[in-house]
PDB file of all heavy atoms in Angstrom:
ATOM      1  N   TRP A   1     115.778  92.661 157.251  1.00  0.00           N
ATOM      2  CA  TRP A   1     116.159  92.479 158.498  1.00  0.00           C
ATOM      3  C   TRP A   1     117.188  91.178 158.613  1.00  0.00           C
ATOM      4  O   TRP A   1     116.824  90.110 158.556  1.00  0.00           O
ATOM      5  CB  TRP A   1     114.834  91.884 159.252  1.00  0.00           C
ATOM      6  CG  TRP A   1     115.200  91.571 160.767  1.00  0.00           C
ATOM      7  CD1 TRP A   1     116.036  92.047 161.585  1.00  0.00           C
ATOM      8  CD2 TRP A   1     114.350  90.712 161.545  1.00  0.00           C
ATOM      9  NE1 TRP A   1     115.903  91.617 162.812  1.00  0.00           N
ATOM     10  CE2 TRP A   1     114.983  90.691 162.786  1.00  0.00           C
ATOM     11  CE3 TRP A   1     113.310  89.736 161.256  1.00  0.00           C
ATOM     12  CZ2 TRP A   1     114.430  89.825 163.897  1.00  0.00           C
ATOM     13  CZ3 TRP A   1     112.876  88.898 162.296  1.00  0.00           C
ATOM     14  CH2 TRP A   1     113.382  89.008 163.514  1.00  0.00           C
ATOM     15  N   PRO A   2     118.438  91.595 158.604  1.00  0.00           N
ATOM     16  CA  PRO A   2     119.558  90.642 158.723  1.00  0.00           C
ATOM     17  C   PRO A   2     119.739  90.234 160.236  1.00  0.00           C
ATOM     18  O   PRO A   2     119.695  91.165 161.088  1.00  0.00           O
ATOM     19  CB  PRO A   2     120.763  91.232 158.196  1.00  0.00           C
ATOM     20  CG  PRO A   2     120.544  92.694 158.336  1.00  0.00           C
ATOM     21  CD  PRO A   2     119.056  92.993 158.345  1.00  0.00           C
ATOM     22  N   TYR A   3     119.911  88.945 160.607  1.00  0.00           N
ATOM     23  CA  TYR A   3     120.127  88.501 161.940  1.00  0.00           C
ATOM     24  C   TYR A   3     120.797  87.253 161.920  1.00  0.00           C
ATOM     25  O   TYR A   3     121.080  86.601 160.972  1.00  0.00           O
ATOM     26  CB  TYR A   3     118.759  88.480 162.601  1.00  0.00           C
ATOM     27  CG  TYR A   3     117.690  87.536 161.929  1.00  0.00           C
ATOM     28  CD1 TYR A   3     117.526  86.221 162.342  1.00  0.00           C
ATOM     29  CD2 TYR A   3     116.899  87.952 160.969  1.00  0.00           C
ATOM     30  CE1 TYR A   3     116.678  85.370 161.827  1.00  0.00           C
ATOM     31  CE2 TYR A   3     115.904  87.090 160.348  1.00  0.00           C
ATOM     32  CZ  TYR A   3     115.855  85.821 160.759  1.00  0.00           C
ATOM     33  OH  TYR A   3     114.993  84.958 160.266  1.00  0.00           O
ATOM     34  N   ASN A   4     121.004  86.796 163.261  1.00  0.00           N
ATOM     35  CA  ASN A   4     121.618  85.430 163.531  1.00  0.00           C
ATOM     36  C   ASN A   4     122.888  85.269 162.861  1.00  0.00           C
ATOM     37  O   ASN A   4     123.193  84.278 162.028  1.00  0.00           O
ATOM     38  CB  ASN A   4     120.658  84.359 163.029  1.00  0.00           C
ATOM     39  CG  ASN A   4     121.114  83.063 163.699  1.00  0.00           C
ATOM     40  OD1 ASN A   4     121.468  83.034 164.827  1.00  0.00           O
ATOM     41  ND2 ASN A   4     120.754  81.952 163.006  1.00  0.00           N
ATOM     42  N   TYR A   5     123.953  86.250 163.136  1.00  0.00           N
ATOM     43  CA  TYR A   5     125.233  86.088 162.534  1.00  0.00           C
ATOM     44  C   TYR A   5     126.141  85.022 163.366  1.00  0.00           C
ATOM     45  O   TYR A   5     126.051  85.117 164.442  1.00  0.00           O
ATOM     46  CB  TYR A   5     125.958  87.451 162.589  1.00  0.00           C
ATOM     47  CG  TYR A   5     125.486  88.448 161.654  1.00  0.00           C
ATOM     48  CD1 TYR A   5     124.293  89.325 161.790  1.00  0.00           C
ATOM     49  CD2 TYR A   5     126.046  88.579 160.355  1.00  0.00           C
ATOM     50  CE1 TYR A   5     123.835  90.057 160.836  1.00  0.00           C
ATOM     51  CE2 TYR A   5     125.633  89.480 159.410  1.00  0.00           C
ATOM     52  CZ  TYR A   5     124.633  90.249 159.566  1.00  0.00           C
ATOM     53  OH  TYR A   5     124.032  90.998 158.740  1.00  0.00           O
ATOM     54  N   GLU A   6     126.809  84.302 162.597  1.00  0.00           N
ATOM     55  CA  GLU A   6     127.788  83.321 163.221  1.00  0.00           C
ATOM     56  C   GLU A   6     129.061  83.361 162.450  1.00  0.00           C
ATOM     57  O   GLU A   6     129.046  83.038 161.259  1.00  0.00           O
ATOM     58  CB  GLU A   6     127.249  81.871 163.306  1.00  0.00           C
ATOM     59  CG  GLU A   6     125.997  81.760 164.112  1.00  0.00           C
ATOM     60  CD  GLU A   6     125.489  80.380 164.178  1.00  0.00           C
ATOM     61  OE1 GLU A   6     126.092  79.484 163.571  1.00  0.00           O
ATOM     62  OE2 GLU A   6     124.418  80.098 164.788  1.00  0.00           O
ATOM     63  N   PHE A   7     130.171  83.773 163.059  1.00  0.00           N
ATOM     64  CA  PHE A   7     131.428  83.913 162.418  1.00  0.00           C
ATOM     65  C   PHE A   7     132.367  82.700 162.610  1.00  0.00           C
ATOM     66  O   PHE A   7     132.560  82.306 163.730  1.00  0.00           O
ATOM     67  CB  PHE A   7     132.167  85.235 162.794  1.00  0.00           C
ATOM     68  CG  PHE A   7     131.671  86.439 162.326  1.00  0.00           C
ATOM     69  CD1 PHE A   7     130.510  87.007 162.932  1.00  0.00           C
ATOM     70  CD2 PHE A   7     132.293  87.110 161.247  1.00  0.00           C
ATOM     71  CE1 PHE A   7     130.016  88.188 162.237  1.00  0.00           C
ATOM     72  CE2 PHE A   7     131.767  88.180 160.649  1.00  0.00           C
ATOM     73  CZ  PHE A   7     130.605  88.821 161.220  1.00  0.00           C
ATOM     74  N   GLU A   8     132.774  82.228 161.455  1.00  0.00           N
ATOM     75  CA  GLU A   8     133.665  81.029 161.537  1.00  0.00           C
ATOM     76  C   GLU A   8     135.082  81.420 161.365  1.00  0.00           C
ATOM     77  O   GLU A   8     136.003  80.747 162.025  1.00  0.00           O
ATOM     78  CB  GLU A   8     133.186  80.070 160.336  1.00  0.00           C
ATOM     79  CG  GLU A   8     134.110  78.768 160.349  1.00  0.00           C
ATOM     80  CD  GLU A   8     133.631  77.998 159.091  1.00  0.00           C
ATOM     81  OE1 GLU A   8     132.535  78.028 158.679  1.00  0.00           O
ATOM     82  OE2 GLU A   8     134.565  77.136 158.575  1.00  0.00           O
ATOM     83  N   TYR A   9     135.416  82.355 160.664  1.00  0.00           N
ATOM     84  CA  TYR A   9     136.786  82.770 160.377  1.00  0.00           C
ATOM     85  C   TYR A   9     136.852  84.327 159.975  1.00  0.00           C
ATOM     86  O   TYR A   9     136.055  84.744 159.106  1.00  0.00           O
ATOM     87  CB  TYR A   9     137.424  81.857 159.365  1.00  0.00           C
ATOM     88  CG  TYR A   9     138.833  82.129 158.971  1.00  0.00           C
ATOM     89  CD1 TYR A   9     139.814  81.993 159.951  1.00  0.00           C
ATOM     90  CD2 TYR A   9     139.355  82.653 157.793  1.00  0.00           C
ATOM     91  CE1 TYR A   9     141.196  82.197 159.693  1.00  0.00           C
ATOM     92  CE2 TYR A   9     140.616  82.828 157.487  1.00  0.00           C
ATOM     93  CZ  TYR A   9     141.572  82.701 158.496  1.00  0.00           C
ATOM     94  OH  TYR A   9     142.815  82.838 158.177  1.00  0.00           O
ATOM     95  N   ASN A  10     137.760  84.992 160.610  1.00  0.00           N
ATOM     96  CA  ASN A  10     137.793  86.493 160.194  1.00  0.00           C
ATOM     97  C   ASN A  10     139.225  86.876 160.390  1.00  0.00           C
ATOM     98  O   ASN A  10     139.837  86.971 161.556  1.00  0.00           O
ATOM     99  CB  ASN A  10     136.989  87.253 161.181  1.00  0.00           C
ATOM    100  CG  ASN A  10     137.014  88.857 160.868  1.00  0.00           C
ATOM    101  OD1 ASN A  10     137.762  89.192 159.802  1.00  0.00           O
ATOM    102  ND2 ASN A  10     136.208  89.677 161.628  1.00  0.00           N
ATOM    103  N   ASP A  11     140.020  86.999 159.408  1.00  0.00           N
ATOM    104  CA  ASP A  11     141.424  87.412 159.311  1.00  0.00           C
ATOM    105  C   ASP A  11     141.603  88.779 158.559  1.00  0.00           C
ATOM    106  O   ASP A  11     142.584  88.773 157.773  1.00  0.00           O
ATOM    107  CB  ASP A  11     142.365  86.319 158.789  1.00  0.00           C
ATOM    108  CG  ASP A  11     143.781  86.629 159.026  1.00  0.00           C
ATOM    109  OD1 ASP A  11     144.072  87.309 159.897  1.00  0.00           O
ATOM    110  OD2 ASP A  11     144.702  86.081 158.240  1.00  0.00           O
ATOM    111  N   THR A  12     140.533  89.629 158.535  1.00  0.00           N
ATOM    112  CA  THR A  12     140.534  90.646 157.610  1.00  0.00           C
ATOM    113  C   THR A  12     141.135  92.002 158.251  1.00  0.00           C
ATOM    114  O   THR A  12     141.488  93.061 157.594  1.00  0.00           O
ATOM    115  CB  THR A  12     139.053  91.081 157.258  1.00  0.00           C
ATOM    116  OG1 THR A  12     138.354  91.485 158.458  1.00  0.00           O
ATOM    117  CG2 THR A  12     138.463  89.983 156.533  1.00  0.00           C
ATOM    118  N   GLY A  13     141.329  91.856 159.635  1.00  0.00           N
ATOM    119  CA  GLY A  13     141.723  93.080 160.420  1.00  0.00           C
ATOM    120  C   GLY A  13     140.619  93.879 160.890  1.00  0.00           C
ATOM    121  O   GLY A  13     140.782  95.012 161.628  1.00  0.00           O
ATOM    122  N   HIS A  14     139.414  93.564 160.521  1.00  0.00           N
ATOM    123  CA  HIS A  14     138.138  94.337 161.048  1.00  0.00           C
ATOM    124  C   HIS A  14     137.397  93.507 162.080  1.00  0.00           C
ATOM    125  O   HIS A  14     137.500  92.226 161.965  1.00  0.00           O
ATOM    126  CB  HIS A  14     137.188  94.629 159.836  1.00  0.00           C
ATOM    127  CG  HIS A  14     137.670  95.670 158.853  1.00  0.00           C
ATOM    128  ND1 HIS A  14     137.808  96.920 159.034  1.00  0.00           N
ATOM    129  CD2 HIS A  14     138.243  95.346 157.574  1.00  0.00           C
ATOM    130  CE1 HIS A  14     138.308  97.502 157.956  1.00  0.00           C
ATOM    131  NE2 HIS A  14     138.620  96.659 157.187  1.00  0.00           N
ATOM    132  N   ASP A  15     136.860  94.117 162.992  1.00  0.00           N
ATOM    133  CA  ASP A  15     135.974  93.351 164.028  1.00  0.00           C
ATOM    134  C   ASP A  15     134.866  92.681 163.253  1.00  0.00           C
ATOM    135  O   ASP A  15     134.363  93.143 162.250  1.00  0.00           O
ATOM    136  CB  ASP A  15     135.557  94.226 165.101  1.00  0.00           C
ATOM    137  CG  ASP A  15     136.614  94.760 165.945  1.00  0.00           C
ATOM    138  OD1 ASP A  15     137.731  94.116 166.009  1.00  0.00           O
ATOM    139  OD2 ASP A  15     136.498  95.831 166.580  1.00  0.00           O
ATOM    140  N   ASP A  16     134.165  91.784 163.980  1.00  0.00           N
ATOM    141  CA  ASP A  16     133.041  91.113 163.394  1.00  0.00           C
ATOM    142  C   ASP A  16     131.982  92.056 163.162  1.00  0.00           C
ATOM    143  O   ASP A  16     131.129  91.934 162.204  1.00  0.00           O
ATOM    144  CB  ASP A  16     132.567  89.927 164.314  1.00  0.00           C
ATOM    145  CG  ASP A  16     133.685  88.730 164.316  1.00  0.00           C
ATOM    146  OD1 ASP A  16     134.623  88.800 163.424  1.00  0.00           O
ATOM    147  OD2 ASP A  16     133.430  87.867 165.250  1.00  0.00           O
ATOM    148  N   ASP A  17     131.748  93.084 164.031  1.00  0.00           N
ATOM    149  CA  ASP A  17     130.732  94.014 163.937  1.00  0.00           C
ATOM    150  C   ASP A  17     130.748  94.790 162.646  1.00  0.00           C
ATOM    151  O   ASP A  17     129.775  95.389 162.167  1.00  0.00           O
ATOM    152  CB  ASP A  17     130.735  94.968 165.150  1.00  0.00           C
ATOM    153  CG  ASP A  17     130.423  94.323 166.484  1.00  0.00           C
ATOM    154  OD1 ASP A  17     129.842  93.272 166.508  1.00  0.00           O
ATOM    155  OD2 ASP A  17     130.708  94.917 167.486  1.00  0.00           O
ATOM    156  N   TYR A  18     131.976  94.927 162.150  1.00  0.00           N
ATOM    157  CA  TYR A  18     132.037  95.634 160.824  1.00  0.00           C
ATOM    158  C   TYR A  18     131.296  94.978 159.652  1.00  0.00           C
ATOM    159  O   TYR A  18     130.814  95.700 158.775  1.00  0.00           O
ATOM    160  CB  TYR A  18     133.507  95.688 160.366  1.00  0.00           C
ATOM    161  CG  TYR A  18     133.814  96.376 159.079  1.00  0.00           C
ATOM    162  CD1 TYR A  18     133.846  97.796 158.899  1.00  0.00           C
ATOM    163  CD2 TYR A  18     134.039  95.654 157.860  1.00  0.00           C
ATOM    164  CE1 TYR A  18     134.097  98.539 157.791  1.00  0.00           C
ATOM    165  CE2 TYR A  18     134.276  96.261 156.665  1.00  0.00           C
ATOM    166  CZ  TYR A  18     134.316  97.666 156.613  1.00  0.00           C
ATOM    167  OH  TYR A  18     134.526  98.294 155.478  1.00  0.00           O
ATOM    168  N   PHE A  19     131.091  93.717 159.743  1.00  0.00           N
ATOM    169  CA  PHE A  19     130.354  92.915 158.712  1.00  0.00           C
ATOM    170  C   PHE A  19     128.924  92.595 159.134  1.00  0.00           C
ATOM    171  O   PHE A  19     128.201  92.080 158.200  1.00  0.00           O
ATOM    172  CB  PHE A  19     131.192  91.611 158.389  1.00  0.00           C
ATOM    173  CG  PHE A  19     132.639  91.820 158.043  1.00  0.00           C
ATOM    174  CD1 PHE A  19     133.616  91.644 158.926  1.00  0.00           C
ATOM    175  CD2 PHE A  19     132.891  92.233 156.768  1.00  0.00           C
ATOM    176  CE1 PHE A  19     134.961  91.745 158.575  1.00  0.00           C
ATOM    177  CE2 PHE A  19     134.232  92.436 156.414  1.00  0.00           C
ATOM    178  CZ  PHE A  19     135.167  92.267 157.263  1.00  0.00           C
ATOM    179  N   SER A  20     128.581  92.832 160.299  1.00  0.00           N
ATOM    180  CA  SER A  20     127.257  92.355 160.805  1.00  0.00           C
ATOM    181  C   SER A  20     126.308  93.500 161.110  1.00  0.00           C
ATOM    182  O   SER A  20     126.746  94.583 161.522  1.00  0.00           O
ATOM    183  CB  SER A  20     127.377  91.429 162.053  1.00  0.00           C
ATOM    184  OG  SER A  20     128.012  92.180 162.979  1.00  0.00           O
ATOM    185  N   SER A  21     125.122  93.399 160.850  1.00  0.00           N
ATOM    186  CA  SER A  21     124.010  94.241 161.212  1.00  0.00           C
ATOM    187  C   SER A  21     122.921  93.541 161.706  1.00  0.00           C
ATOM    188  O   SER A  21     122.541  92.413 161.370  1.00  0.00           O
ATOM    189  CB  SER A  21     123.600  95.074 159.962  1.00  0.00           C
ATOM    190  OG  SER A  21     124.727  95.850 159.372  1.00  0.00           O
ATOM    191  N   SER A  22     122.138  94.270 162.696  1.00  0.00           N
ATOM    192  CA  SER A  22     120.944  93.554 163.268  1.00  0.00           C
ATOM    193  C   SER A  22     120.009  94.609 163.358  1.00  0.00           C
ATOM    194  O   SER A  22     120.243  95.818 163.430  1.00  0.00           O
ATOM    195  CB  SER A  22     121.237  92.809 164.614  1.00  0.00           C
ATOM    196  OG  SER A  22     121.738  93.810 165.478  1.00  0.00           O
ATOM    197  N   GLY A  23     118.662  94.212 163.461  1.00  0.00           N
ATOM    198  CA  GLY A  23     117.571  95.092 163.472  1.00  0.00           C
ATOM    199  C   GLY A  23     117.109  95.409 162.150  1.00  0.00           C
ATOM    200  O   GLY A  23     117.705  95.100 161.205  1.00  0.00           O
ATOM    201  N   LEU A  24     115.928  96.115 162.036  1.00  0.00           N
ATOM    202  CA  LEU A  24     115.363  96.418 160.770  1.00  0.00           C
ATOM    203  C   LEU A  24     116.214  97.513 160.015  1.00  0.00           C
ATOM    204  O   LEU A  24     116.574  98.419 160.653  1.00  0.00           O
ATOM    205  CB  LEU A  24     113.941  96.794 160.955  1.00  0.00           C
ATOM    206  CG  LEU A  24     112.922  95.933 161.500  1.00  0.00           C
ATOM    207  CD1 LEU A  24     111.565  96.477 161.654  1.00  0.00           C
ATOM    208  CD2 LEU A  24     112.772  94.723 160.415  1.00  0.00           C
ATOM    209  N   ILE A  25     116.295  97.337 158.741  1.00  0.00           N
ATOM    210  CA  ILE A  25     117.093  98.308 157.944  1.00  0.00           C
ATOM    211  C   ILE A  25     116.114  98.709 156.807  1.00  0.00           C
ATOM    212  O   ILE A  25     115.925  97.950 155.820  1.00  0.00           O
ATOM    213  CB  ILE A  25     118.407  97.611 157.305  1.00  0.00           C
ATOM    214  CG1 ILE A  25     119.340  97.131 158.375  1.00  0.00           C
ATOM    215  CG2 ILE A  25     119.045  98.641 156.321  1.00  0.00           C
ATOM    216  CD1 ILE A  25     120.587  96.519 157.864  1.00  0.00           C
ATOM    217  N   PRO A  26     115.574  99.892 156.907  1.00  0.00           N
ATOM    218  CA  PRO A  26     114.730 100.476 155.757  1.00  0.00           C
ATOM    219  C   PRO A  26     115.593 100.942 154.677  1.00  0.00           C
ATOM    220  O   PRO A  26     116.793 101.465 154.995  1.00  0.00           O
ATOM    221  CB  PRO A  26     113.993 101.607 156.447  1.00  0.00           C
ATOM    222  CG  PRO A  26     114.806 102.085 157.517  1.00  0.00           C
ATOM    223  CD  PRO A  26     115.596 100.888 158.189  1.00  0.00           C
ATOM    224  N   ALA A  27     115.222 100.667 153.437  1.00  0.00           N
ATOM    225  CA  ALA A  27     115.947 101.153 152.288  1.00  0.00           C
ATOM    226  C   ALA A  27     115.162 101.697 151.227  1.00  0.00           C
ATOM    227  O   ALA A  27     114.003 101.373 151.121  1.00  0.00           O
ATOM    228  CB  ALA A  27     116.830  99.979 151.799  1.00  0.00           C
ATOM    229  N   TYR A  28     115.783 102.533 150.335  1.00  0.00           N
ATOM    230  CA  TYR A  28     114.963 102.996 149.128  1.00  0.00           C
ATOM    231  C   TYR A  28     115.860 102.681 148.020  1.00  0.00           C
ATOM    232  O   TYR A  28     116.908 103.153 147.850  1.00  0.00           O
ATOM    233  CB  TYR A  28     114.632 104.418 149.367  1.00  0.00           C
ATOM    234  CG  TYR A  28     113.994 104.996 148.178  1.00  0.00           C
ATOM    235  CD1 TYR A  28     112.714 104.582 147.720  1.00  0.00           C
ATOM    236  CD2 TYR A  28     114.579 105.947 147.313  1.00  0.00           C
ATOM    237  CE1 TYR A  28     112.065 105.126 146.760  1.00  0.00           C
ATOM    238  CE2 TYR A  28     113.935 106.443 146.210  1.00  0.00           C
ATOM    239  CZ  TYR A  28     112.701 106.007 145.913  1.00  0.00           C
ATOM    240  OH  TYR A  28     112.073 106.550 144.768  1.00  0.00           O
ATOM    241  N   ASN A  29     115.386 101.987 146.998  1.00  0.00           N
ATOM    242  CA  ASN A  29     116.010 101.710 145.759  1.00  0.00           C
ATOM    243  C   ASN A  29     115.291 102.386 144.669  1.00  0.00           C
ATOM    244  O   ASN A  29     113.995 102.197 144.614  1.00  0.00           O
ATOM    245  CB  ASN A  29     116.011 100.252 145.524  1.00  0.00           C
ATOM    246  CG  ASN A  29     116.785  99.745 144.226  1.00  0.00           C
ATOM    247  OD1 ASN A  29     116.189  99.831 143.170  1.00  0.00           O
ATOM    248  ND2 ASN A  29     117.903  99.172 144.383  1.00  0.00           N
ATOM    249  N   HIS A  30     116.001 102.944 143.673  1.00  0.00           N
ATOM    250  CA  HIS A  30     115.248 103.475 142.508  1.00  0.00           C
ATOM    251  C   HIS A  30     116.195 103.349 141.312  1.00  0.00           C
ATOM    252  O   HIS A  30     117.376 103.235 141.435  1.00  0.00           O
ATOM    253  CB  HIS A  30     114.907 104.921 142.785  1.00  0.00           C
ATOM    254  CG  HIS A  30     115.883 105.804 143.093  1.00  0.00           C
ATOM    255  ND1 HIS A  30     115.878 107.172 142.533  1.00  0.00           N
ATOM    256  CD2 HIS A  30     116.990 105.703 143.880  1.00  0.00           C
ATOM    257  CE1 HIS A  30     117.049 107.693 143.126  1.00  0.00           C
ATOM    258  NE2 HIS A  30     117.603 106.921 143.904  1.00  0.00           N
ATOM    259  N   MET A  31     115.563 103.321 140.114  1.00  0.00           N
ATOM    260  CA  MET A  31     116.413 103.180 138.834  1.00  0.00           C
ATOM    261  C   MET A  31     115.716 103.863 137.683  1.00  0.00           C
ATOM    262  O   MET A  31     114.521 103.856 137.613  1.00  0.00           O
ATOM    263  CB  MET A  31     116.462 101.689 138.593  1.00  0.00           C
ATOM    264  CG  MET A  31     117.276 101.214 137.382  1.00  0.00           C
ATOM    265  SD  MET A  31     117.485  99.380 137.143  1.00  0.00           S
ATOM    266  CE  MET A  31     115.786  99.000 136.638  1.00  0.00           C
ATOM    267  N   VAL A  32     116.584 104.385 136.888  1.00  0.00           N
ATOM    268  CA  VAL A  32     116.065 104.961 135.619  1.00  0.00           C
ATOM    269  C   VAL A  32     116.654 103.927 134.435  1.00  0.00           C
ATOM    270  O   VAL A  32     117.856 103.624 134.402  1.00  0.00           O
ATOM    271  CB  VAL A  32     116.594 106.249 135.267  1.00  0.00           C
ATOM    272  CG1 VAL A  32     116.206 106.776 133.967  1.00  0.00           C
ATOM    273  CG2 VAL A  32     116.155 107.360 136.406  1.00  0.00           C
ATOM    274  N   GLU A  33     115.826 103.476 133.646  1.00  0.00           N
ATOM    275  CA  GLU A  33     116.239 102.546 132.543  1.00  0.00           C
ATOM    276  C   GLU A  33     115.663 102.976 131.218  1.00  0.00           C
ATOM    277  O   GLU A  33     114.539 103.299 131.076  1.00  0.00           O
ATOM    278  CB  GLU A  33     115.683 101.165 132.959  1.00  0.00           C
ATOM    279  CG  GLU A  33     116.041 100.085 131.915  1.00  0.00           C
ATOM    280  CD  GLU A  33     115.610  98.740 132.194  1.00  0.00           C
ATOM    281  OE1 GLU A  33     114.593  98.561 132.803  1.00  0.00           O
ATOM    282  OE2 GLU A  33     116.316  97.762 131.805  1.00  0.00           O
ATOM    283  N   TRP A  34     116.514 102.801 130.294  1.00  0.00           N
ATOM    284  CA  TRP A  34     116.208 102.950 128.823  1.00  0.00           C
ATOM    285  C   TRP A  34     116.217 101.503 128.213  1.00  0.00           C
ATOM    286  O   TRP A  34     117.201 100.884 128.189  1.00  0.00           O
ATOM    287  CB  TRP A  34     117.132 103.887 128.096  1.00  0.00           C
ATOM    288  CG  TRP A  34     116.879 103.838 126.551  1.00  0.00           C
ATOM    289  CD1 TRP A  34     117.391 102.964 125.718  1.00  0.00           C
ATOM    290  CD2 TRP A  34     116.046 104.718 125.857  1.00  0.00           C
ATOM    291  NE1 TRP A  34     116.949 103.302 124.352  1.00  0.00           N
ATOM    292  CE2 TRP A  34     116.109 104.351 124.461  1.00  0.00           C
ATOM    293  CE3 TRP A  34     115.328 105.808 126.174  1.00  0.00           C
ATOM    294  CZ2 TRP A  34     115.432 105.068 123.471  1.00  0.00           C
ATOM    295  CZ3 TRP A  34     114.579 106.632 125.116  1.00  0.00           C
ATOM    296  CH2 TRP A  34     114.687 106.155 123.896  1.00  0.00           C
ATOM    297  N   ASP A  35     115.098 101.014 127.820  1.00  0.00           N
ATOM    298  CA  ASP A  35     114.944  99.656 127.413  1.00  0.00           C
ATOM    299  C   ASP A  35     114.343  99.639 125.958  1.00  0.00           C
ATOM    300  O   ASP A  35     113.181  99.949 125.822  1.00  0.00           O
ATOM    301  CB  ASP A  35     113.993  98.773 128.327  1.00  0.00           C
ATOM    302  CG  ASP A  35     113.990  97.284 127.981  1.00  0.00           C
ATOM    303  OD1 ASP A  35     114.671  96.957 126.882  1.00  0.00           O
ATOM    304  OD2 ASP A  35     113.246  96.623 128.539  1.00  0.00           O
ATOM    305  N   ASP A  36     115.242  99.349 125.007  1.00  0.00           N
ATOM    306  CA  ASP A  36     114.780  99.225 123.488  1.00  0.00           C
ATOM    307  C   ASP A  36     115.360  97.897 123.086  1.00  0.00           C
ATOM    308  O   ASP A  36     116.178  97.974 122.097  1.00  0.00           O
ATOM    309  CB  ASP A  36     115.195 100.435 122.726  1.00  0.00           C
ATOM    310  CG  ASP A  36     114.640 100.453 121.427  1.00  0.00           C
ATOM    311  OD1 ASP A  36     113.623  99.649 121.085  1.00  0.00           O
ATOM    312  OD2 ASP A  36     115.030 101.252 120.552  1.00  0.00           O
ATOM    313  N   VAL A  37     115.037  96.849 123.646  1.00  0.00           N
ATOM    314  CA  VAL A  37     115.518  95.533 123.199  1.00  0.00           C
ATOM    315  C   VAL A  37     114.384  94.740 122.741  1.00  0.00           C
ATOM    316  O   VAL A  37     113.392  94.490 123.567  1.00  0.00           O
ATOM    317  CB  VAL A  37     116.324  94.792 124.362  1.00  0.00           C
ATOM    318  CG1 VAL A  37     116.797  93.485 123.886  1.00  0.00           C
ATOM    319  CG2 VAL A  37     117.564  95.722 124.775  1.00  0.00           C
ATOM    320  N   ASN A  38     114.558  94.006 121.618  1.00  0.00           N
ATOM    321  CA  ASN A  38     113.516  93.097 121.119  1.00  0.00           C
ATOM    322  C   ASN A  38     114.144  91.746 120.890  1.00  0.00           C
ATOM    323  O   ASN A  38     115.278  91.656 120.303  1.00  0.00           O
ATOM    324  CB  ASN A  38     112.863  93.708 119.727  1.00  0.00           C
ATOM    325  CG  ASN A  38     112.096  94.953 120.070  1.00  0.00           C
ATOM    326  OD1 ASN A  38     111.185  94.991 120.899  1.00  0.00           O
ATOM    327  ND2 ASN A  38     112.528  95.915 119.209  1.00  0.00           N
ATOM    328  N   TRP A  39     113.271  90.718 121.057  1.00  0.00           N
ATOM    329  CA  TRP A  39     113.809  89.306 120.815  1.00  0.00           C
ATOM    330  C   TRP A  39     113.408  89.040 119.316  1.00  0.00           C
ATOM    331  O   TRP A  39     112.369  89.329 118.776  1.00  0.00           O
ATOM    332  CB  TRP A  39     112.992  88.373 121.637  1.00  0.00           C
ATOM    333  CG  TRP A  39     113.552  88.318 123.081  1.00  0.00           C
ATOM    334  CD1 TRP A  39     113.141  89.079 124.069  1.00  0.00           C
ATOM    335  CD2 TRP A  39     114.583  87.480 123.524  1.00  0.00           C
ATOM    336  NE1 TRP A  39     113.879  88.691 125.158  1.00  0.00           N
ATOM    337  CE2 TRP A  39     114.774  87.685 124.825  1.00  0.00           C
ATOM    338  CE3 TRP A  39     115.340  86.412 122.916  1.00  0.00           C
ATOM    339  CZ2 TRP A  39     115.687  87.072 125.651  1.00  0.00           C
ATOM    340  CZ3 TRP A  39     116.202  85.811 123.722  1.00  0.00           C
ATOM    341  CH2 TRP A  39     116.394  86.034 124.978  1.00  0.00           C
ATOM    342  N   ILE A  40     114.454  88.470 118.617  1.00  0.00           N
ATOM    343  CA  ILE A  40     114.153  88.051 117.276  1.00  0.00           C
ATOM    344  C   ILE A  40     114.592  86.514 117.255  1.00  0.00           C
ATOM    345  O   ILE A  40     115.575  86.059 117.245  1.00  0.00           O
ATOM    346  CB  ILE A  40     115.153  88.700 116.199  1.00  0.00           C
ATOM    347  CG1 ILE A  40     114.979  90.236 116.328  1.00  0.00           C
ATOM    348  CG2 ILE A  40     114.921  88.189 114.894  1.00  0.00           C
ATOM    349  CD1 ILE A  40     115.837  91.082 115.544  1.00  0.00           C
ATOM    350  N   GLY A  41     113.433  85.755 117.412  1.00  0.00           N
ATOM    351  CA  GLY A  41     113.631  84.342 117.666  1.00  0.00           C
ATOM    352  C   GLY A  41     114.369  84.128 119.074  1.00  0.00           C
ATOM    353  O   GLY A  41     113.854  84.632 120.044  1.00  0.00           O
ATOM    354  N   ASN A  42     115.502  83.573 119.059  1.00  0.00           N
ATOM    355  CA  ASN A  42     116.191  83.432 120.344  1.00  0.00           C
ATOM    356  C   ASN A  42     117.485  84.364 120.463  1.00  0.00           C
ATOM    357  O   ASN A  42     118.375  84.110 121.234  1.00  0.00           O
ATOM    358  CB  ASN A  42     116.678  81.939 120.496  1.00  0.00           C
ATOM    359  CG  ASN A  42     115.533  81.043 120.680  1.00  0.00           C
ATOM    360  OD1 ASN A  42     114.573  81.264 121.350  1.00  0.00           O
ATOM    361  ND2 ASN A  42     115.636  79.912 119.933  1.00  0.00           N
ATOM    362  N   LEU A  43     117.449  85.386 119.649  1.00  0.00           N
ATOM    363  CA  LEU A  43     118.490  86.426 119.572  1.00  0.00           C
ATOM    364  C   LEU A  43     117.884  87.764 119.939  1.00  0.00           C
ATOM    365  O   LEU A  43     116.711  88.030 119.796  1.00  0.00           O
ATOM    366  CB  LEU A  43     119.324  86.460 118.427  1.00  0.00           C
ATOM    367  CG  LEU A  43     120.005  85.134 117.957  1.00  0.00           C
ATOM    368  CD1 LEU A  43     120.368  85.130 116.522  1.00  0.00           C
ATOM    369  CD2 LEU A  43     121.213  85.029 118.909  1.00  0.00           C
TER     370      LEU A  43
END
């Protein structure tokens, strides 16, 4: 839930609305990972 946007400077050529969002944003994140790392002391 991003909110309360206040723009100080915008010289990108895009309107402020391009960078701001309001209201709840549902998202789904997922990841596949291969992890075969072992610590040997501090290495």
